[in-house]
Amino acid sequence: MVRFLVFLQQILHLYQIVLIVSVVMSWIFASGRISRFDARVRPIVQAIDAVTEPFLRRIRPWMPNTAPLDLTPLALWFIVMFIDSVILGNLIELFAGM
């Protein structure tokens, strides 16, 4: 059971990296250096959006409107950190002590 929980933690860490990449890519697209419809980056954008957008879409209605900045990835980052450190961390300690 502990191995499975550690595996889930590793998936959450990977998801945090994907969130960072998503934010950095959005900054690059906003600067106009690369278009998100460029054939070279479109598959990467589609893959990252497929992983992040379902969760971001559920959080956006609860976030305040900060027009040029989207704070939704930051909120999702904190949710993932909470699940990782508090929930999974405590479950790992619980099952490791058995």
PDB file of N, CA and C in Angstrom:
ATOM      1  N   MET A   1       0.826  -1.197   0.000  1.00  0.00           N
ATOM      2  CA  MET A   1       0.000   0.000   0.000  1.00  0.00           C
ATOM      3  C   MET A   1       0.868   1.259   0.000  1.00  0.00           C
ATOM      4  N   VAL A   2       1.974   1.203   0.751  1.00  0.00           N
ATOM      5  CA  VAL A   2       2.853   2.365   0.826  1.00  0.00           C
ATOM      6  C   VAL A   2       3.456   2.645  -0.551  1.00  0.00           C
ATOM      7  N   ARG A   3       3.831   1.594  -1.264  1.00  0.00           N
ATOM      8  CA  ARG A   3       4.397   1.781  -2.603  1.00  0.00           C
ATOM      9  C   ARG A   3       3.403   2.462  -3.533  1.00  0.00           C
ATOM     10  N   PHE A   4       2.149   2.084  -3.435  1.00  0.00           N
ATOM     11  CA  PHE A   4       1.118   2.704  -4.266  1.00  0.00           C
ATOM     12  C   PHE A   4       0.962   4.178  -3.925  1.00  0.00           C
ATOM     13  N   LEU A   5       0.977   4.519  -2.645  1.00  0.00           N
ATOM     14  CA  LEU A   5       0.835   5.914  -2.227  1.00  0.00           C
ATOM     15  C   LEU A   5       2.043   6.740  -2.662  1.00  0.00           C
ATOM     16  N   VAL A   6       3.232   6.149  -2.582  1.00  0.00           N
ATOM     17  CA  VAL A   6       4.432   6.847  -3.056  1.00  0.00           C
ATOM     18  C   VAL A   6       4.344   7.049  -4.564  1.00  0.00           C
ATOM     19  N   PHE A   7       3.816   6.060  -5.283  1.00  0.00           N
ATOM     20  CA  PHE A   7       3.598   6.192  -6.722  1.00  0.00           C
ATOM     21  C   PHE A   7       2.643   7.348  -7.018  1.00  0.00           C
ATOM     22  N   LEU A   8       1.572   7.467  -6.242  1.00  0.00           N
ATOM     23  CA  LEU A   8       0.639   8.586  -6.418  1.00  0.00           C
ATOM     24  C   LEU A   8       1.329   9.921  -6.153  1.00  0.00           C
ATOM     25  N   GLN A   9       2.201   9.959  -5.159  1.00  0.00           N
ATOM     26  CA  GLN A   9       2.953  11.186  -4.894  1.00  0.00           C
ATOM     27  C   GLN A   9       3.840  11.545  -6.083  1.00  0.00           C
ATOM     28  N   GLN A  10       4.461  10.563  -6.682  1.00  0.00           N
ATOM     29  CA  GLN A  10       5.305  10.824  -7.848  1.00  0.00           C
ATOM     30  C   GLN A  10       4.484  11.339  -9.019  1.00  0.00           C
ATOM     31  N   ILE A  11       3.291  10.822  -9.190  1.00  0.00           N
ATOM     32  CA  ILE A  11       2.404  11.323 -10.246  1.00  0.00           C
ATOM     33  C   ILE A  11       2.037  12.779  -9.967  1.00  0.00           C
ATOM     34  N   LEU A  12       1.762  13.107  -8.716  1.00  0.00           N
ATOM     35  CA  LEU A  12       1.435  14.494  -8.368  1.00  0.00           C
ATOM     36  C   LEU A  12       2.625  15.413  -8.599  1.00  0.00           C
ATOM     37  N   HIS A  13       3.832  14.947  -8.324  1.00  0.00           N
ATOM     38  CA  HIS A  13       5.025  15.757  -8.588  1.00  0.00           C
ATOM     39  C   HIS A  13       5.185  15.996 -10.087  1.00  0.00           C
ATOM     40  N   LEU A  14       4.927  14.974 -10.878  1.00  0.00           N
ATOM     41  CA  LEU A  14       4.972  15.123 -12.331  1.00  0.00           C
ATOM     42  C   LEU A  14       3.906  16.111 -12.801  1.00  0.00           C
ATOM     43  N   TYR A  15       2.732  16.056 -12.187  1.00  0.00           N
ATOM     44  CA  TYR A  15       1.659  16.981 -12.544  1.00  0.00           C
ATOM     45  C   TYR A  15       2.040  18.420 -12.203  1.00  0.00           C
ATOM     46  N   GLN A  16       2.753  18.620 -11.116  1.00  0.00           N
ATOM     47  CA  GLN A  16       3.220  19.961 -10.773  1.00  0.00           C
ATOM     48  C   GLN A  16       4.179  20.485 -11.835  1.00  0.00           C
ATOM     49  N   ILE A  17       5.027  19.623 -12.354  1.00  0.00           N
ATOM     50  CA  ILE A  17       5.936  20.029 -13.430  1.00  0.00           C
ATOM     51  C   ILE A  17       5.148  20.398 -14.676  1.00  0.00           C
ATOM     52  N   VAL A  18       4.121  19.629 -14.983  1.00  0.00           N
ATOM     53  CA  VAL A  18       3.279  19.934 -16.147  1.00  0.00           C
ATOM     54  C   VAL A  18       2.587  21.282 -15.955  1.00  0.00           C
ATOM     55  N   LEU A  19       2.146  21.582 -14.747  1.00  0.00           N
ATOM     56  CA  LEU A  19       1.534  22.890 -14.472  1.00  0.00           C
ATOM     57  C   LEU A  19       2.530  24.020 -14.702  1.00  0.00           C
ATOM     58  N   ILE A  20       3.762  23.835 -14.269  1.00  0.00           N
ATOM     59  CA  ILE A  20       4.786  24.863 -14.478  1.00  0.00           C
ATOM     60  C   ILE A  20       5.023  25.065 -15.972  1.00  0.00           C
ATOM     61  N   VAL A  21       5.141  23.972 -16.701  1.00  0.00           N
ATOM     62  CA  VAL A  21       5.343  24.069 -18.154  1.00  0.00           C
ATOM     63  C   VAL A  21       4.168  24.777 -18.805  1.00  0.00           C
ATOM     64  N   SER A  22       2.963  24.484 -18.362  1.00  0.00           N
ATOM     65  CA  SER A  22       1.777  25.137 -18.912  1.00  0.00           C
ATOM     66  C   SER A  22       1.803  26.648 -18.692  1.00  0.00           C
ATOM     67  N   VAL A  23       2.182  27.056 -17.501  1.00  0.00           N
ATOM     68  CA  VAL A  23       2.239  28.495 -17.195  1.00  0.00           C
ATOM     69  C   VAL A  23       3.328  29.178 -18.012  1.00  0.00           C
ATOM     70  N   VAL A  24       4.509  28.569 -18.079  1.00  0.00           N
ATOM     71  CA  VAL A  24       5.602  29.166 -18.847  1.00  0.00           C
ATOM     72  C   VAL A  24       5.231  29.256 -20.323  1.00  0.00           C
ATOM     73  N   MET A  25       4.592  28.225 -20.844  1.00  0.00           N
ATOM     74  CA  MET A  25       4.174  28.273 -22.248  1.00  0.00           C
ATOM     75  C   MET A  25       3.138  29.363 -22.479  1.00  0.00           C
ATOM     76  N   SER A  26       2.255  29.576 -21.532  1.00  0.00           N
ATOM     77  CA  SER A  26       1.258  30.639 -21.711  1.00  0.00           C
ATOM     78  C   SER A  26       1.932  32.005 -21.726  1.00  0.00           C
ATOM     79  N   TRP A  27       3.001  32.177 -20.947  1.00  0.00           N
ATOM     80  CA  TRP A  27       3.752  33.432 -20.969  1.00  0.00           C
ATOM     81  C   TRP A  27       4.440  33.620 -22.317  1.00  0.00           C
ATOM     82  N   ILE A  28       5.013  32.536 -22.838  1.00  0.00           N
ATOM     83  CA  ILE A  28       5.672  32.620 -24.147  1.00  0.00           C
ATOM     84  C   ILE A  28       4.660  32.967 -25.228  1.00  0.00           C
ATOM     85  N   PHE A  29       3.485  32.364 -25.170  1.00  0.00           N
ATOM     86  CA  PHE A  29       2.451  32.667 -26.165  1.00  0.00           C
ATOM     87  C   PHE A  29       1.959  34.103 -26.023  1.00  0.00           C
ATOM     88  N   ALA A  30       1.844  34.587 -24.785  1.00  0.00           N
ATOM     89  CA  ALA A  30       1.392  35.960 -24.560  1.00  0.00           C
ATOM     90  C   ALA A  30       2.415  36.970 -25.061  1.00  0.00           C
ATOM     91  N   SER A  31       3.696  36.598 -25.042  1.00  0.00           N
ATOM     92  CA  SER A  31       4.728  37.517 -25.528  1.00  0.00           C
ATOM     93  C   SER A  31       4.723  37.622 -27.046  1.00  0.00           C
ATOM     94  N   GLY A  32       4.102  36.668 -27.715  1.00  0.00           N
ATOM     95  CA  GLY A  32       4.022  36.699 -29.169  1.00  0.00           C
ATOM     96  C   GLY A  32       5.200  36.050 -29.872  1.00  0.00           C
ATOM     97  N   ARG A  33       6.107  35.468 -29.123  1.00  0.00           N
ATOM     98  CA  ARG A  33       7.281  34.838 -29.741  1.00  0.00           C
ATOM     99  C   ARG A  33       6.892  33.580 -30.519  1.00  0.00           C
ATOM    100  N   ILE A  34       5.977  32.822 -29.977  1.00  0.00           N
ATOM    101  CA  ILE A  34       5.504  31.602 -30.630  1.00  0.00           C
ATOM    102  C   ILE A  34       3.986  31.590 -30.549  1.00  0.00           C
ATOM    103  N   SER A  35       3.350  31.134 -31.598  1.00  0.00           N
ATOM    104  CA  SER A  35       1.909  30.983 -31.596  1.00  0.00           C
ATOM    105  C   SER A  35       1.556  29.601 -31.076  1.00  0.00           C
ATOM    106  N   ARG A  36       0.472  29.517 -30.313  1.00  0.00           N
ATOM    107  CA  ARG A  36       0.066  28.209 -29.821  1.00  0.00           C
ATOM    108  C   ARG A  36      -0.458  27.317 -30.932  1.00  0.00           C
ATOM    109  N   PHE A  37      -0.644  27.899 -32.126  1.00  0.00           N
ATOM    110  CA  PHE A  37      -1.109  27.123 -33.275  1.00  0.00           C
ATOM    111  C   PHE A  37       0.026  26.747 -34.220  1.00  0.00           C
ATOM    112  N   ASP A  38       1.258  27.068 -33.828  1.00  0.00           N
ATOM    113  CA  ASP A  38       2.425  26.684 -34.601  1.00  0.00           C
ATOM    114  C   ASP A  38       2.498  25.157 -34.651  1.00  0.00           C
ATOM    115  N   ALA A  39       2.758  24.612 -35.827  1.00  0.00           N
ATOM    116  CA  ALA A  39       2.756  23.159 -36.010  1.00  0.00           C
ATOM    117  C   ALA A  39       3.811  22.463 -35.155  1.00  0.00           C
ATOM    118  N   ARG A  40       4.871  23.159 -34.795  1.00  0.00           N
ATOM    119  CA  ARG A  40       5.932  22.539 -33.989  1.00  0.00           C
ATOM    120  C   ARG A  40       5.525  22.354 -32.534  1.00  0.00           C
ATOM    121  N   VAL A  41       4.707  23.240 -32.004  1.00  0.00           N
ATOM    122  CA  VAL A  41       4.351  23.169 -30.586  1.00  0.00           C
ATOM    123  C   VAL A  41       2.908  22.725 -30.340  1.00  0.00           C
ATOM    124  N   ARG A  42       2.106  22.669 -31.378  1.00  0.00           N
ATOM    125  CA  ARG A  42       0.689  22.330 -31.201  1.00  0.00           C
ATOM    126  C   ARG A  42       0.475  20.980 -30.515  1.00  0.00           C
ATOM    127  N   PRO A  43       1.211  19.906 -30.863  1.00  0.00           N
ATOM    128  CA  PRO A  43       0.990  18.635 -30.151  1.00  0.00           C
ATOM    129  C   PRO A  43       1.319  18.725 -28.662  1.00  0.00           C
ATOM    130  N   ILE A  44       2.336  19.484 -28.314  1.00  0.00           N
ATOM    131  CA  ILE A  44       2.699  19.642 -26.908  1.00  0.00           C
ATOM    132  C   ILE A  44       1.612  20.425 -26.176  1.00  0.00           C
ATOM    133  N   VAL A  45       1.136  21.486 -26.806  1.00  0.00           N
ATOM    134  CA  VAL A  45       0.082  22.308 -26.203  1.00  0.00           C
ATOM    135  C   VAL A  45      -1.182  21.476 -25.999  1.00  0.00           C
ATOM    136  N   GLN A  46      -1.543  20.689 -26.996  1.00  0.00           N
ATOM    137  CA  GLN A  46      -2.745  19.861 -26.881  1.00  0.00           C
ATOM    138  C   GLN A  46      -2.610  18.826 -25.765  1.00  0.00           C
ATOM    139  N   ALA A  47      -1.428  18.232 -25.617  1.00  0.00           N
ATOM    140  CA  ALA A  47      -1.216  17.237 -24.564  1.00  0.00           C
ATOM    141  C   ALA A  47      -1.294  17.887 -23.188  1.00  0.00           C
ATOM    142  N   ILE A  48      -0.659  19.037 -23.036  1.00  0.00           N
ATOM    143  CA  ILE A  48      -0.677  19.722 -21.736  1.00  0.00           C
ATOM    144  C   ILE A  48      -2.081  20.212 -21.408  1.00  0.00           C
ATOM    145  N   ASP A  49      -2.775  20.759 -22.396  1.00  0.00           N
ATOM    146  CA  ASP A  49      -4.150  21.204 -22.171  1.00  0.00           C
ATOM    147  C   ASP A  49      -5.072  20.040 -21.814  1.00  0.00           C
ATOM    148  N   ALA A  50      -4.846  18.890 -22.424  1.00  0.00           N
ATOM    149  CA  ALA A  50      -5.684  17.724 -22.130  1.00  0.00           C
ATOM    150  C   ALA A  50      -5.526  17.266 -20.684  1.00  0.00           C
ATOM    151  N   VAL A  51      -4.355  17.495 -20.125  1.00  0.00           N
ATOM    152  CA  VAL A  51      -4.092  17.070 -18.749  1.00  0.00           C
ATOM    153  C   VAL A  51      -4.507  18.133 -17.740  1.00  0.00           C
ATOM    154  N   THR A  52      -4.319  19.403 -18.069  1.00  0.00           N
ATOM    155  CA  THR A  52      -4.558  20.463 -17.085  1.00  0.00           C
ATOM    156  C   THR A  52      -5.947  21.100 -17.164  1.00  0.00           C
ATOM    157  N   GLU A  53      -6.467  21.282 -18.343  1.00  0.00           N
ATOM    158  CA  GLU A  53      -7.718  22.038 -18.504  1.00  0.00           C
ATOM    159  C   GLU A  53      -8.933  21.434 -17.795  1.00  0.00           C
ATOM    160  N   PRO A  54      -9.108  20.114 -17.751  1.00  0.00           N
ATOM    161  CA  PRO A  54     -10.291  19.617 -17.021  1.00  0.00           C
ATOM    162  C   PRO A  54     -10.340  20.066 -15.563  1.00  0.00           C
ATOM    163  N   PHE A  55      -9.188  20.130 -14.914  1.00  0.00           N
ATOM    164  CA  PHE A  55      -9.154  20.565 -13.512  1.00  0.00           C
ATOM    165  C   PHE A  55      -9.239  22.087 -13.409  1.00  0.00           C
ATOM    166  N   LEU A  56      -8.540  22.784 -14.306  1.00  0.00           N
ATOM    167  CA  LEU A  56      -8.574  24.247 -14.277  1.00  0.00           C
ATOM    168  C   LEU A  56      -9.981  24.767 -14.570  1.00  0.00           C
ATOM    169  N   ARG A  57     -10.680  24.110 -15.469  1.00  0.00           N
ATOM    170  CA  ARG A  57     -12.031  24.528 -15.843  1.00  0.00           C
ATOM    171  C   ARG A  57     -12.986  24.456 -14.654  1.00  0.00           C
ATOM    172  N   ARG A  58     -12.770  23.490 -13.762  1.00  0.00           N
ATOM    173  CA  ARG A  58     -13.642  23.361 -12.587  1.00  0.00           C
ATOM    174  C   ARG A  58     -13.324  24.395 -11.508  1.00  0.00           C
ATOM    175  N   ILE A  59     -12.107  24.909 -11.506  1.00  0.00           N
ATOM    176  CA  ILE A  59     -11.692  25.877 -10.491  1.00  0.00           C
ATOM    177  C   ILE A  59     -11.985  27.311 -10.929  1.00  0.00           C
ATOM    178  N   ARG A  60     -11.949  27.593 -12.220  1.00  0.00           N
ATOM    179  CA  ARG A  60     -12.089  28.977 -12.720  1.00  0.00           C
ATOM    180  C   ARG A  60     -13.337  29.711 -12.238  1.00  0.00           C
ATOM    181  N   PRO A  61     -14.506  29.074 -12.164  1.00  0.00           N
ATOM    182  CA  PRO A  61     -15.678  29.827 -11.679  1.00  0.00           C
ATOM    183  C   PRO A  61     -15.530  30.333 -10.245  1.00  0.00           C
ATOM    184  N   TRP A  62     -14.670  29.713  -9.458  1.00  0.00           N
ATOM    185  CA  TRP A  62     -14.495  30.096  -8.061  1.00  0.00           C
ATOM    186  C   TRP A  62     -13.423  31.172  -7.877  1.00  0.00           C
ATOM    187  N   MET A  63     -12.666  31.452  -8.921  1.00  0.00           N
ATOM    188  CA  MET A  63     -11.553  32.393  -8.818  1.00  0.00           C
ATOM    189  C   MET A  63     -12.018  33.818  -9.134  1.00  0.00           C
ATOM    190  N   PRO A  64     -11.399  34.823  -8.491  1.00  0.00           N
ATOM    191  CA  PRO A  64     -11.737  36.211  -8.812  1.00  0.00           C
ATOM    192  C   PRO A  64     -11.225  36.573 -10.205  1.00  0.00           C
ATOM    193  N   ASN A  65     -11.846  37.564 -10.798  1.00  0.00           N
ATOM    194  CA  ASN A  65     -11.463  38.003 -12.136  1.00  0.00           C
ATOM    195  C   ASN A  65     -10.274  38.959 -12.013  1.00  0.00           C
ATOM    196  N   THR A  66      -9.100  38.458 -12.333  1.00  0.00           N
ATOM    197  CA  THR A  66      -7.893  39.276 -12.373  1.00  0.00           C
ATOM    198  C   THR A  66      -7.458  39.300 -13.826  1.00  0.00           C
ATOM    199  N   ALA A  67      -8.069  40.178 -14.575  1.00  0.00           N
ATOM    200  CA  ALA A  67      -8.071  40.185 -16.039  1.00  0.00           C
ATOM    201  C   ALA A  67      -6.793  39.706 -16.731  1.00  0.00           C
ATOM    202  N   PRO A  68      -5.658  40.336 -16.606  1.00  0.00           N
ATOM    203  CA  PRO A  68      -4.529  39.826 -17.398  1.00  0.00           C
ATOM    204  C   PRO A  68      -3.887  38.575 -16.803  1.00  0.00           C
ATOM    205  N   LEU A  69      -4.096  38.335 -15.506  1.00  0.00           N
ATOM    206  CA  LEU A  69      -3.483  37.176 -14.859  1.00  0.00           C
ATOM    207  C   LEU A  69      -4.533  36.111 -14.580  1.00  0.00           C
ATOM    208  N   ASP A  70      -4.180  34.881 -14.882  1.00  0.00           N
ATOM    209  CA  ASP A  70      -5.034  33.752 -14.540  1.00  0.00           C
ATOM    210  C   ASP A  70      -4.416  33.074 -13.323  1.00  0.00           C
ATOM    211  N   LEU A  71      -5.062  33.206 -12.194  1.00  0.00           N
ATOM    212  CA  LEU A  71      -4.547  32.639 -10.956  1.00  0.00           C
ATOM    213  C   LEU A  71      -4.994  31.199 -10.737  1.00  0.00           C
ATOM    214  N   THR A  72      -5.748  30.654 -11.663  1.00  0.00           N
ATOM    215  CA  THR A  72      -6.257  29.299 -11.524  1.00  0.00           C
ATOM    216  C   THR A  72      -5.143  28.261 -11.424  1.00  0.00           C
ATOM    217  N   PRO A  73      -4.070  28.333 -12.242  1.00  0.00           N
ATOM    218  CA  PRO A  73      -3.002  27.342 -12.063  1.00  0.00           C
ATOM    219  C   PRO A  73      -2.360  27.403 -10.675  1.00  0.00           C
ATOM    220  N   LEU A  74      -2.273  28.585 -10.098  1.00  0.00           N
ATOM    221  CA  LEU A  74      -1.718  28.721  -8.756  1.00  0.00           C
ATOM    222  C   LEU A  74      -2.625  28.033  -7.733  1.00  0.00           C
ATOM    223  N   ALA A  75      -3.930  28.209  -7.890  1.00  0.00           N
ATOM    224  CA  ALA A  75      -4.874  27.544  -6.991  1.00  0.00           C
ATOM    225  C   ALA A  75      -4.780  26.028  -7.137  1.00  0.00           C
ATOM    226  N   LEU A  76      -4.684  25.552  -8.373  1.00  0.00           N
ATOM    227  CA  LEU A  76      -4.544  24.117  -8.598  1.00  0.00           C
ATOM    228  C   LEU A  76      -3.228  23.608  -8.023  1.00  0.00           C
ATOM    229  N   TRP A  77      -2.177  24.415  -8.129  1.00  0.00           N
ATOM    230  CA  TRP A  77      -0.877  24.050  -7.555  1.00  0.00           C
ATOM    231  C   TRP A  77      -1.017  23.814  -6.045  1.00  0.00           C
ATOM    232  N   PHE A  78      -1.720  24.727  -5.338  1.00  0.00           N
ATOM    233  CA  PHE A  78      -1.894  24.581  -3.899  1.00  0.00           C
ATOM    234  C   PHE A  78      -2.764  23.373  -3.560  1.00  0.00           C
ATOM    235  N   ILE A  79      -3.751  23.098  -4.371  1.00  0.00           N
ATOM    236  CA  ILE A  79      -4.592  21.912  -4.142  1.00  0.00           C
ATOM    237  C   ILE A  79      -3.761  20.647  -4.284  1.00  0.00           C
ATOM    238  N   VAL A  80      -2.935  20.586  -5.324  1.00  0.00           N
ATOM    239  CA  VAL A  80      -2.074  19.415  -5.536  1.00  0.00           C
ATOM    240  C   VAL A  80      -1.080  19.281  -4.387  1.00  0.00           C
ATOM    241  N   MET A  81      -0.514  20.403  -3.943  1.00  0.00           N
ATOM    242  CA  MET A  81       0.422  20.360  -2.809  1.00  0.00           C
ATOM    243  C   MET A  81      -0.266  19.856  -1.547  1.00  0.00           C
ATOM    244  N   PHE A  82      -1.508  20.281  -1.322  1.00  0.00           N
ATOM    245  CA  PHE A  82      -2.259  19.836  -0.150  1.00  0.00           C
ATOM    246  C   PHE A  82      -2.504  18.336  -0.201  1.00  0.00           C
ATOM    247  N   ILE A  83      -2.941  17.855  -1.360  1.00  0.00           N
ATOM    248  CA  ILE A  83      -3.182  16.421  -1.508  1.00  0.00           C
ATOM    249  C   ILE A  83      -1.885  15.640  -1.307  1.00  0.00           C
ATOM    250  N   ASP A  84      -0.803  16.156  -1.877  1.00  0.00           N
ATOM    251  CA  ASP A  84       0.487  15.475  -1.788  1.00  0.00           C
ATOM    252  C   ASP A  84       1.001  15.435  -0.357  1.00  0.00           C
ATOM    253  N   SER A  85       1.102  16.585   0.269  1.00  0.00           N
ATOM    254  CA  SER A  85       1.775  16.631   1.574  1.00  0.00           C
ATOM    255  C   SER A  85       0.862  16.226   2.722  1.00  0.00           C
ATOM    256  N   VAL A  86      -0.347  16.709   2.743  1.00  0.00           N
ATOM    257  CA  VAL A  86      -1.205  16.451   3.892  1.00  0.00           C
ATOM    258  C   VAL A  86      -1.876  15.082   3.784  1.00  0.00           C
ATOM    259  N   ILE A  87      -2.592  14.864   2.703  1.00  0.00           N
ATOM    260  CA  ILE A  87      -3.373  13.630   2.601  1.00  0.00           C
ATOM    261  C   ILE A  87      -2.471  12.415   2.365  1.00  0.00           C
ATOM    262  N   LEU A  88      -1.712  12.437   1.271  1.00  0.00           N
ATOM    263  CA  LEU A  88      -0.864  11.280   0.973  1.00  0.00           C
ATOM    264  C   LEU A  88       0.257  11.128   1.989  1.00  0.00           C
ATOM    265  N   GLY A  89       0.828  12.236   2.429  1.00  0.00           N
ATOM    266  CA  GLY A  89       1.890  12.163   3.426  1.00  0.00           C
ATOM    267  C   GLY A  89       1.431  11.487   4.713  1.00  0.00           C
ATOM    268  N   ASN A  90       0.243  11.864   5.195  1.00  0.00           N
ATOM    269  CA  ASN A  90      -0.285  11.247   6.409  1.00  0.00           C
ATOM    270  C   ASN A  90      -0.671   9.792   6.189  1.00  0.00           C
ATOM    271  N   LEU A  91      -1.193   9.469   5.009  1.00  0.00           N
ATOM    272  CA  LEU A  91      -1.525   8.069   4.725  1.00  0.00           C
ATOM    273  C   LEU A  91      -0.274   7.204   4.660  1.00  0.00           C
ATOM    274  N   ILE A  92       0.787   7.739   4.078  1.00  0.00           N
ATOM    275  CA  ILE A  92       2.040   6.984   4.020  1.00  0.00           C
ATOM    276  C   ILE A  92       2.579   6.736   5.423  1.00  0.00           C
ATOM    277  N   GLU A  93       2.552   7.766   6.264  1.00  0.00           N
ATOM    278  CA  GLU A  93       2.998   7.576   7.657  1.00  0.00           C
ATOM    279  C   GLU A  93       2.136   6.561   8.390  1.00  0.00           C
ATOM    280  N   LEU A  94       0.837   6.618   8.144  1.00  0.00           N
ATOM    281  CA  LEU A  94      -0.092   5.700   8.809  1.00  0.00           C
ATOM    282  C   LEU A  94       0.198   4.259   8.411  1.00  0.00           C
ATOM    283  N   PHE A  95       0.334   4.019   7.100  1.00  0.00           N
ATOM    284  CA  PHE A  95       0.539   2.648   6.640  1.00  0.00           C
ATOM    285  C   PHE A  95       1.972   2.179   6.867  1.00  0.00           C
ATOM    286  N   ALA A  96       2.928   3.077   6.923  1.00  0.00           N
ATOM    287  CA  ALA A  96       4.309   2.671   7.179  1.00  0.00           C
ATOM    288  C   ALA A  96       4.485   2.257   8.635  1.00  0.00           C
ATOM    289  N   GLY A  97       3.674   2.799   9.529  1.00  0.00           N
ATOM    290  CA  GLY A  97       3.768   2.461  10.944  1.00  0.00           C
ATOM    291  C   GLY A  97       3.086   1.166  11.303  1.00  0.00           C
ATOM    292  N   MET A  98       2.374   0.576  10.381  1.00  0.00           N
ATOM    293  CA  MET A  98       1.644  -0.662  10.684  1.00  0.00           C
ATOM    294  C   MET A  98       2.546  -1.861  10.644  1.00  0.00           C
TER     295      MET A  98
END
